[in-house]
């Protein structure tokens, strides 16, 4: 049963990453502006982070959906969610009103403070899903099983058992 729950967690989290990255990848300037709006990184770091983050999100999402390098992808996913939770909590604590830029956009948003708790809650749930996938030895319908020899998503039985 855990493997099926892991599959669901893997697919939901992976799809969220793909949608988030796809919403930003075609407009790198907007993504850079969203990163700058957090006022956490020096100006010279905001640009490469803003440009590379959507690509990383798509790659992490695709590997989770495919079940490829699943544990490592889930760990990267969890680290990204931790960073995003910290970023949102930081702007909230500093009284900065910005759209999170999670799915494109970013910049000033007069209603942002009322959205921050929901954005943090969403990311916390997705963080837990990522940690669950990282914790599992395998999930169902994963390419890892085919490529790395785990039949049916499980480690092979030792010979002579």
C-alpha atoms as a PDB file:
ATOM      1  CA  UNK A   1       0.000   0.000   0.000  1.00  0.00           C
ATOM      2  CA  UNK A   2       2.851   2.397   0.811  1.00  0.00           C
ATOM      3  CA  UNK A   3       4.167   2.037  -2.740  1.00  0.00           C
ATOM      4  CA  UNK A   4       0.799   3.191  -4.175  1.00  0.00           C
ATOM      5  CA  UNK A   5       0.628   6.163  -1.789  1.00  0.00           C
ATOM      6  CA  UNK A   6       4.201   6.929  -2.817  1.00  0.00           C
ATOM      7  CA  UNK A   7       3.154   6.826  -6.462  1.00  0.00           C
ATOM      8  CA  UNK A   8       0.379   9.334  -5.768  1.00  0.00           C
ATOM      9  CA  UNK A   9       2.747  11.599  -3.795  1.00  0.00           C
ATOM     10  CA  UNK A  10       5.342  11.327  -6.557  1.00  0.00           C
ATOM     11  CA  UNK A  11       2.863  12.177  -9.326  1.00  0.00           C
ATOM     12  CA  UNK A  12       1.196  15.089  -7.516  1.00  0.00           C
ATOM     13  CA  UNK A  13       4.483  16.662  -6.474  1.00  0.00           C
ATOM     14  CA  UNK A  14       6.031  16.066  -9.888  1.00  0.00           C
ATOM     15  CA  UNK A  15       3.084  17.615 -11.707  1.00  0.00           C
ATOM     16  CA  UNK A  16       3.171  20.673  -9.429  1.00  0.00           C
ATOM     17  CA  UNK A  17       6.863  21.166 -10.269  1.00  0.00           C
ATOM     18  CA  UNK A  18       6.244  20.778 -14.008  1.00  0.00           C
ATOM     19  CA  UNK A  19       3.369  23.290 -13.983  1.00  0.00           C
ATOM     20  CA  UNK A  20       5.345  25.754 -11.828  1.00  0.00           C
ATOM     21  CA  UNK A  21       8.445  25.532 -14.008  1.00  0.00           C
ATOM     22  CA  UNK A  22       6.520  25.669 -17.287  1.00  0.00           C
ATOM     23  CA  UNK A  23       4.702  28.807 -16.136  1.00  0.00           C
ATOM     24  CA  UNK A  24       8.049  30.576 -15.681  1.00  0.00           C
ATOM     25  CA  UNK A  25      10.474  29.088 -18.184  1.00  0.00           C
ATOM     26  CA  UNK A  26       9.226  31.077 -21.178  1.00  0.00           C
ATOM     27  CA  UNK A  27       9.617  34.418 -19.396  1.00  0.00           C
ATOM     28  CA  UNK A  28      12.994  34.377 -17.650  1.00  0.00           C
ATOM     29  CA  UNK A  29      12.887  38.130 -16.979  1.00  0.00           C
ATOM     30  CA  UNK A  30       9.671  37.717 -14.980  1.00  0.00           C
ATOM     31  CA  UNK A  31      11.188  34.793 -13.088  1.00  0.00           C
ATOM     32  CA  UNK A  32      14.278  36.870 -12.246  1.00  0.00           C
ATOM     33  CA  UNK A  33      12.030  39.743 -11.088  1.00  0.00           C
ATOM     34  CA  UNK A  34      10.082  37.340  -8.848  1.00  0.00           C
ATOM     35  CA  UNK A  35      13.333  36.115  -7.244  1.00  0.00           C
ATOM     36  CA  UNK A  36      14.510  39.718  -6.754  1.00  0.00           C
ATOM     37  CA  UNK A  37      11.204  40.668  -5.115  1.00  0.00           C
ATOM     38  CA  UNK A  38      12.063  38.428  -2.145  1.00  0.00           C
ATOM     39  CA  UNK A  39      15.101  40.632  -1.417  1.00  0.00           C
ATOM     40  CA  UNK A  40      17.051  37.642  -0.109  1.00  0.00           C
ATOM     41  CA  UNK A  41      19.797  37.155  -2.692  1.00  0.00           C
ATOM     42  CA  UNK A  42      22.444  39.623  -3.824  1.00  0.00           C
ATOM     43  CA  UNK A  43      21.604  41.158  -7.207  1.00  0.00           C
ATOM     44  CA  UNK A  44      24.293  39.147  -9.002  1.00  0.00           C
ATOM     45  CA  UNK A  45      22.766  35.857  -7.748  1.00  0.00           C
ATOM     46  CA  UNK A  46      19.116  36.684  -8.372  1.00  0.00           C
ATOM     47  CA  UNK A  47      19.539  36.566 -12.143  1.00  0.00           C
ATOM     48  CA  UNK A  48      21.052  33.058 -12.483  1.00  0.00           C
ATOM     49  CA  UNK A  49      18.710  31.686  -9.804  1.00  0.00           C
ATOM     50  CA  UNK A  50      15.684  33.204 -11.534  1.00  0.00           C
ATOM     51  CA  UNK A  51      16.763  31.798 -14.885  1.00  0.00           C
ATOM     52  CA  UNK A  52      17.728  28.320 -13.700  1.00  0.00           C
ATOM     53  CA  UNK A  53      14.969  27.712 -11.165  1.00  0.00           C
ATOM     54  CA  UNK A  54      12.206  27.027 -13.734  1.00  0.00           C
ATOM     55  CA  UNK A  55      14.454  24.548 -15.549  1.00  0.00           C
ATOM     56  CA  UNK A  56      15.290  22.805 -12.267  1.00  0.00           C
ATOM     57  CA  UNK A  57      11.600  22.650 -11.374  1.00  0.00           C
ATOM     58  CA  UNK A  58      10.743  21.023 -14.721  1.00  0.00           C
ATOM     59  CA  UNK A  59      13.592  18.501 -14.424  1.00  0.00           C
ATOM     60  CA  UNK A  60      12.686  17.579 -10.826  1.00  0.00           C
ATOM     61  CA  UNK A  61       9.030  17.299 -11.815  1.00  0.00           C
ATOM     62  CA  UNK A  62       9.745  15.120 -14.833  1.00  0.00           C
ATOM     63  CA  UNK A  63      12.009  12.767 -12.900  1.00  0.00           C
ATOM     64  CA  UNK A  64       9.396  12.421 -10.167  1.00  0.00           C
ATOM     65  CA  UNK A  65       6.582  11.740 -12.633  1.00  0.00           C
ATOM     66  CA  UNK A  66       8.708   9.193 -14.478  1.00  0.00           C
ATOM     67  CA  UNK A  67      10.038   7.659 -11.284  1.00  0.00           C
ATOM     68  CA  UNK A  68      13.602   8.178 -12.482  1.00  0.00           C
ATOM     69  CA  UNK A  69      16.291   8.726  -9.839  1.00  0.00           C
ATOM     70  CA  UNK A  70      13.302   9.028  -7.557  1.00  0.00           C
ATOM     71  CA  UNK A  71      14.934   9.272  -4.154  1.00  0.00           C
ATOM     72  CA  UNK A  72      17.406  11.959  -5.241  1.00  0.00           C
ATOM     73  CA  UNK A  73      14.676  13.894  -7.044  1.00  0.00           C
ATOM     74  CA  UNK A  74      12.468  13.752  -3.952  1.00  0.00           C
ATOM     75  CA  UNK A  75      15.321  15.066  -1.793  1.00  0.00           C
ATOM     76  CA  UNK A  76      15.909  17.976  -4.196  1.00  0.00           C
ATOM     77  CA  UNK A  77      12.145  18.594  -4.195  1.00  0.00           C
ATOM     78  CA  UNK A  78      12.090  18.684  -0.389  1.00  0.00           C
ATOM     79  CA  UNK A  79      15.040  21.101  -0.273  1.00  0.00           C
ATOM     80  CA  UNK A  80      13.314  23.408  -2.763  1.00  0.00           C
ATOM     81  CA  UNK A  81      10.105  23.390  -0.704  1.00  0.00           C
ATOM     82  CA  UNK A  82      12.095  24.208   2.440  1.00  0.00           C
ATOM     83  CA  UNK A  83      13.728  27.130   0.621  1.00  0.00           C
ATOM     84  CA  UNK A  84      10.346  28.376  -0.639  1.00  0.00           C
ATOM     85  CA  UNK A  85       8.738  28.111   2.804  1.00  0.00           C
ATOM     86  CA  UNK A  86      11.631  30.091   4.275  1.00  0.00           C
ATOM     87  CA  UNK A  87      11.351  32.683   1.500  1.00  0.00           C
ATOM     88  CA  UNK A  88       7.607  33.163   1.936  1.00  0.00           C
ATOM     89  CA  UNK A  89       7.897  33.279   5.740  1.00  0.00           C
ATOM     90  CA  UNK A  90      10.709  35.819   5.388  1.00  0.00           C
ATOM     91  CA  UNK A  91       8.759  38.277   3.227  1.00  0.00           C
ATOM     92  CA  UNK A  92       5.722  37.838   5.477  1.00  0.00           C
ATOM     93  CA  UNK A  93       7.790  38.579   8.593  1.00  0.00           C
ATOM     94  CA  UNK A  94       9.382  41.617   6.934  1.00  0.00           C
ATOM     95  CA  UNK A  95       6.017  43.009   5.818  1.00  0.00           C
ATOM     96  CA  UNK A  96       6.778  42.705   2.108  1.00  0.00           C
ATOM     97  CA  UNK A  97       3.651  42.217  -0.024  1.00  0.00           C
ATOM     98  CA  UNK A  98       4.569  40.202  -3.108  1.00  0.00           C
ATOM     99  CA  UNK A  99       3.015  37.448  -5.141  1.00  0.00           C
ATOM    100  CA  UNK A 100       5.023  34.308  -4.382  1.00  0.00           C
ATOM    101  CA  UNK A 101       5.852  33.854  -8.066  1.00  0.00           C
ATOM    102  CA  UNK A 102       5.354  30.120  -7.584  1.00  0.00           C
ATOM    103  CA  UNK A 103       3.416  29.703 -10.817  1.00  0.00           C
ATOM    104  CA  UNK A 104       4.688  32.726 -12.719  1.00  0.00           C
ATOM    105  CA  UNK A 105       4.079  36.340 -11.930  1.00  0.00           C
ATOM    106  CA  UNK A 106       5.674  37.831  -8.865  1.00  0.00           C
ATOM    107  CA  UNK A 107       6.089  41.388  -7.766  1.00  0.00           C
ATOM    108  CA  UNK A 108       3.849  43.597  -5.651  1.00  0.00           C
ATOM    109  CA  UNK A 109       0.513  42.165  -4.495  1.00  0.00           C
ATOM    110  CA  UNK A 110      -1.584  44.194  -2.040  1.00  0.00           C
ATOM    111  CA  UNK A 111      -3.395  41.030  -0.847  1.00  0.00           C
ATOM    112  CA  UNK A 112      -0.241  38.938  -0.431  1.00  0.00           C
ATOM    113  CA  UNK A 113      -0.268  38.785   3.375  1.00  0.00           C
ATOM    114  CA  UNK A 114      -3.600  36.971   3.362  1.00  0.00           C
ATOM    115  CA  UNK A 115      -2.203  34.406   0.875  1.00  0.00           C
ATOM    116  CA  UNK A 116       1.048  33.635   2.704  1.00  0.00           C
ATOM    117  CA  UNK A 117      -0.427  31.160   5.220  1.00  0.00           C
ATOM    118  CA  UNK A 118      -2.054  29.151   2.403  1.00  0.00           C
ATOM    119  CA  UNK A 119       1.119  29.202   0.309  1.00  0.00           C
ATOM    120  CA  UNK A 120       3.169  27.992   3.271  1.00  0.00           C
ATOM    121  CA  UNK A 121       0.579  25.292   4.047  1.00  0.00           C
ATOM    122  CA  UNK A 122       0.570  24.130   0.401  1.00  0.00           C
ATOM    123  CA  UNK A 123       4.354  23.962   0.325  1.00  0.00           C
ATOM    124  CA  UNK A 124       4.446  22.176   3.701  1.00  0.00           C
ATOM    125  CA  UNK A 125       2.088  19.457   2.409  1.00  0.00           C
ATOM    126  CA  UNK A 126       4.186  19.080  -0.739  1.00  0.00           C
ATOM    127  CA  UNK A 127       7.328  18.992   1.430  1.00  0.00           C
ATOM    128  CA  UNK A 128       5.839  16.111   3.433  1.00  0.00           C
ATOM    129  CA  UNK A 129       4.933  14.312   0.201  1.00  0.00           C
ATOM    130  CA  UNK A 130       8.503  14.759  -1.060  1.00  0.00           C
ATOM    131  CA  UNK A 131       9.952  13.460   2.207  1.00  0.00           C
ATOM    132  CA  UNK A 132       7.627  10.452   2.075  1.00  0.00           C
ATOM    133  CA  UNK A 133       8.791   9.607  -1.457  1.00  0.00           C
ATOM    134  CA  UNK A 134      12.444  10.044  -0.402  1.00  0.00           C
ATOM    135  CA  UNK A 135      11.878   7.758   2.595  1.00  0.00           C
ATOM    136  CA  UNK A 136      10.293   4.925   0.607  1.00  0.00           C
ATOM    137  CA  UNK A 137      12.608   2.302  -0.860  1.00  0.00           C
ATOM    138  CA  UNK A 138      10.510   2.363  -4.061  1.00  0.00           C
ATOM    139  CA  UNK A 139       7.173   3.400  -5.519  1.00  0.00           C
ATOM    140  CA  UNK A 140       4.937   1.766  -8.101  1.00  0.00           C
ATOM    141  CA  UNK A 141       5.240   2.360 -11.849  1.00  0.00           C
ATOM    142  CA  UNK A 142       8.697   3.909 -11.586  1.00  0.00           C
ATOM    143  CA  UNK A 143      11.371   3.735 -14.284  1.00  0.00           C
ATOM    144  CA  UNK A 144      13.866   3.089 -11.498  1.00  0.00           C
ATOM    145  CA  UNK A 145      12.493  -0.466 -11.292  1.00  0.00           C
ATOM    146  CA  UNK A 146      13.089  -1.152 -14.977  1.00  0.00           C
ATOM    147  CA  UNK A 147      16.455   0.575 -15.225  1.00  0.00           C
ATOM    148  CA  UNK A 148      18.019  -0.492 -11.958  1.00  0.00           C
ATOM    149  CA  UNK A 149      16.600  -3.990 -11.676  1.00  0.00           C
ATOM    150  CA  UNK A 150      13.956  -3.702  -9.021  1.00  0.00           C
ATOM    151  CA  UNK A 151      11.138  -5.881 -10.321  1.00  0.00           C
ATOM    152  CA  UNK A 152       7.718  -4.352  -9.806  1.00  0.00           C
ATOM    153  CA  UNK A 153       9.241  -1.411  -8.007  1.00  0.00           C
ATOM    154  CA  UNK A 154      10.698  -3.617  -5.260  1.00  0.00           C
ATOM    155  CA  UNK A 155      14.204  -4.846  -4.590  1.00  0.00           C
ATOM    156  CA  UNK A 156      14.779  -8.314  -6.078  1.00  0.00           C
ATOM    157  CA  UNK A 157      14.599 -11.297  -3.758  1.00  0.00           C
ATOM    158  CA  UNK A 158      18.025 -12.718  -2.862  1.00  0.00           C
ATOM    159  CA  UNK A 159      18.810 -15.979  -4.618  1.00  0.00           C
ATOM    160  CA  UNK A 160      18.051 -19.053  -2.566  1.00  0.00           C
ATOM    161  CA  UNK A 161      15.172 -17.438  -0.620  1.00  0.00           C
END
